[in-house]
Amino acid sequence: MKQQGLIPELNPQQTRLLAHLQAGHSLTRIDAWARLGILEAPARVCELRSMGYPIKTERVTVRNRYDEPVQIARWSLPAAQPEQPL
């Protein structure tokens, strides 16, 4: 049972994915598998979003193994905004 008010603990895949994004890198499903060993990256992104992380999605075109153009998602975190003086 989920307890109210507690910050959920991240699993290892969520931790790796979030650290990659927080380092200023973007990530696609292909990158997640090759670099981070995460096969179901869309599920991890969905989980992180449900925890409140503001992960952005951009659609990008890549070529598949048959040299056909296909669209995939590229995820990133928004750039930190400098604080405005009052």
C-alpha atoms as a PDB file:
ATOM      1  CA  MET A   1       0.000   0.000   0.000  1.00  0.00           C
ATOM      2  CA  LYS A   2       1.320   3.438  -0.977  1.00  0.00           C
ATOM      3  CA  GLN A   3       1.826   5.806   1.925  1.00  0.00           C
ATOM      4  CA  GLN A   4       0.878   9.456   1.452  1.00  0.00           C
ATOM      5  CA  GLY A   5       3.574  12.126   1.583  1.00  0.00           C
ATOM      6  CA  LEU A   6       6.563   9.835   1.069  1.00  0.00           C
ATOM      7  CA  ILE A   7       8.991  10.279  -1.795  1.00  0.00           C
ATOM      8  CA  PRO A   8       9.086   7.014  -3.735  1.00  0.00           C
ATOM      9  CA  GLU A   9      12.426   5.258  -3.885  1.00  0.00           C
ATOM     10  CA  LEU A  10      13.831   4.936  -7.393  1.00  0.00           C
ATOM     11  CA  ASN A  11      14.739   1.525  -8.780  1.00  0.00           C
ATOM     12  CA  PRO A  12      18.161   1.086 -10.465  1.00  0.00           C
ATOM     13  CA  GLN A  13      16.869   1.695 -14.006  1.00  0.00           C
ATOM     14  CA  GLN A  14      14.984   4.826 -12.961  1.00  0.00           C
ATOM     15  CA  THR A  15      18.112   6.045 -11.159  1.00  0.00           C
ATOM     16  CA  ARG A  16      20.353   5.528 -14.221  1.00  0.00           C
ATOM     17  CA  LEU A  17      17.874   7.167 -16.583  1.00  0.00           C
ATOM     18  CA  LEU A  18      17.281  10.163 -14.314  1.00  0.00           C
ATOM     19  CA  ALA A  19      21.029  10.661 -13.683  1.00  0.00           C
ATOM     20  CA  HIS A  20      21.639  10.664 -17.442  1.00  0.00           C
ATOM     21  CA  LEU A  21      18.965  13.313 -18.000  1.00  0.00           C
ATOM     22  CA  GLN A  22      20.067  15.394 -14.998  1.00  0.00           C
ATOM     23  CA  ALA A  23      23.597  15.460 -16.442  1.00  0.00           C
ATOM     24  CA  GLY A  24      22.115  17.454 -19.344  1.00  0.00           C
ATOM     25  CA  HIS A  25      21.919  14.620 -21.856  1.00  0.00           C
ATOM     26  CA  SER A  26      18.919  13.647 -23.927  1.00  0.00           C
ATOM     27  CA  LEU A  27      17.947  10.033 -24.470  1.00  0.00           C
ATOM     28  CA  THR A  28      16.056   7.887 -26.977  1.00  0.00           C
ATOM     29  CA  ARG A  29      14.816   4.342 -26.561  1.00  0.00           C
ATOM     30  CA  ILE A  30      17.787   3.183 -28.665  1.00  0.00           C
ATOM     31  CA  ASP A  31      20.278   5.122 -26.501  1.00  0.00           C
ATOM     32  CA  ALA A  32      18.691   3.813 -23.308  1.00  0.00           C
ATOM     33  CA  TRP A  33      19.221   0.207 -24.387  1.00  0.00           C
ATOM     34  CA  ALA A  34      22.744   0.727 -25.758  1.00  0.00           C
ATOM     35  CA  ARG A  35      24.128   3.056 -23.050  1.00  0.00           C
ATOM     36  CA  LEU A  36      22.120   2.289 -19.940  1.00  0.00           C
ATOM     37  CA  GLY A  37      20.892  -1.283 -20.423  1.00  0.00           C
ATOM     38  CA  ILE A  38      17.252  -0.190 -20.148  1.00  0.00           C
ATOM     39  CA  LEU A  39      14.994  -2.043 -22.586  1.00  0.00           C
ATOM     40  CA  GLU A  40      11.641  -0.486 -21.607  1.00  0.00           C
ATOM     41  CA  ALA A  41      12.702   3.157 -21.386  1.00  0.00           C
ATOM     42  CA  PRO A  42       9.205   4.521 -22.164  1.00  0.00           C
ATOM     43  CA  ALA A  43       7.872   2.773 -19.057  1.00  0.00           C
ATOM     44  CA  ARG A  44      10.678   4.207 -16.898  1.00  0.00           C
ATOM     45  CA  VAL A  45      10.004   7.717 -18.280  1.00  0.00           C
ATOM     46  CA  CYS A  46       6.293   7.312 -17.491  1.00  0.00           C
ATOM     47  CA  GLU A  47       7.117   6.210 -13.936  1.00  0.00           C
ATOM     48  CA  LEU A  48       9.452   9.167 -13.400  1.00  0.00           C
ATOM     49  CA  ARG A  49       6.836  11.577 -14.737  1.00  0.00           C
ATOM     50  CA  SER A  50       4.273  10.131 -12.345  1.00  0.00           C
ATOM     51  CA  MET A  51       6.722  10.949  -9.538  1.00  0.00           C
ATOM     52  CA  GLY A  52       6.788  14.581 -10.675  1.00  0.00           C
ATOM     53  CA  TYR A  53       9.916  14.782 -12.833  1.00  0.00           C
ATOM     54  CA  PRO A  54       9.240  17.200 -15.754  1.00  0.00           C
ATOM     55  CA  ILE A  55      10.625  15.054 -18.572  1.00  0.00           C
ATOM     56  CA  LYS A  56      10.045  16.572 -22.023  1.00  0.00           C
ATOM     57  CA  THR A  57       9.417  14.560 -25.189  1.00  0.00           C
ATOM     58  CA  GLU A  58      10.578  15.608 -28.639  1.00  0.00           C
ATOM     59  CA  ARG A  59       9.787  13.557 -31.750  1.00  0.00           C
ATOM     60  CA  VAL A  60      12.842  12.912 -33.944  1.00  0.00           C
ATOM     61  CA  THR A  61      13.243  11.082 -37.232  1.00  0.00           C
ATOM     62  CA  VAL A  62      15.823   8.298 -37.515  1.00  0.00           C
ATOM     63  CA  ARG A  63      16.389   5.576 -40.094  1.00  0.00           C
ATOM     64  CA  ASN A  64      15.645   1.961 -39.272  1.00  0.00           C
ATOM     65  CA  ARG A  65      17.671  -1.051 -40.423  1.00  0.00           C
ATOM     66  CA  TYR A  66      15.846  -0.955 -43.785  1.00  0.00           C
ATOM     67  CA  ASP A  67      16.868   2.686 -44.264  1.00  0.00           C
ATOM     68  CA  GLU A  68      13.275   3.836 -43.794  1.00  0.00           C
ATOM     69  CA  PRO A  69      12.578   7.037 -41.857  1.00  0.00           C
ATOM     70  CA  VAL A  70      10.764   6.411 -38.563  1.00  0.00           C
ATOM     71  CA  GLN A  71       9.853   8.715 -35.679  1.00  0.00           C
ATOM     72  CA  ILE A  72      10.955   8.026 -32.124  1.00  0.00           C
ATOM     73  CA  ALA A  73      10.851   9.969 -28.874  1.00  0.00           C
ATOM     74  CA  ARG A  74      13.844  11.828 -27.455  1.00  0.00           C
ATOM     75  CA  TRP A  75      13.527  12.666 -23.755  1.00  0.00           C
ATOM     76  CA  SER A  76      15.213  15.442 -21.807  1.00  0.00           C
ATOM     77  CA  LEU A  77      14.780  17.573 -18.727  1.00  0.00           C
ATOM     78  CA  PRO A  78      14.093  21.278 -19.168  1.00  0.00           C
ATOM     79  CA  ALA A  79      17.125  23.509 -18.760  1.00  0.00           C
ATOM     80  CA  ALA A  80      17.357  25.081 -15.325  1.00  0.00           C
ATOM     81  CA  GLN A  81      15.955  28.596 -15.361  1.00  0.00           C
ATOM     82  CA  PRO A  82      18.041  31.297 -13.646  1.00  0.00           C
ATOM     83  CA  GLU A  83      16.254  32.836 -10.711  1.00  0.00           C
ATOM     84  CA  GLN A  84      14.775  36.259 -11.392  1.00  0.00           C
ATOM     85  CA  PRO A  85      15.611  39.037  -8.917  1.00  0.00           C
ATOM     86  CA  LEU A  86      12.614  40.445  -7.055  1.00  0.00           C
END
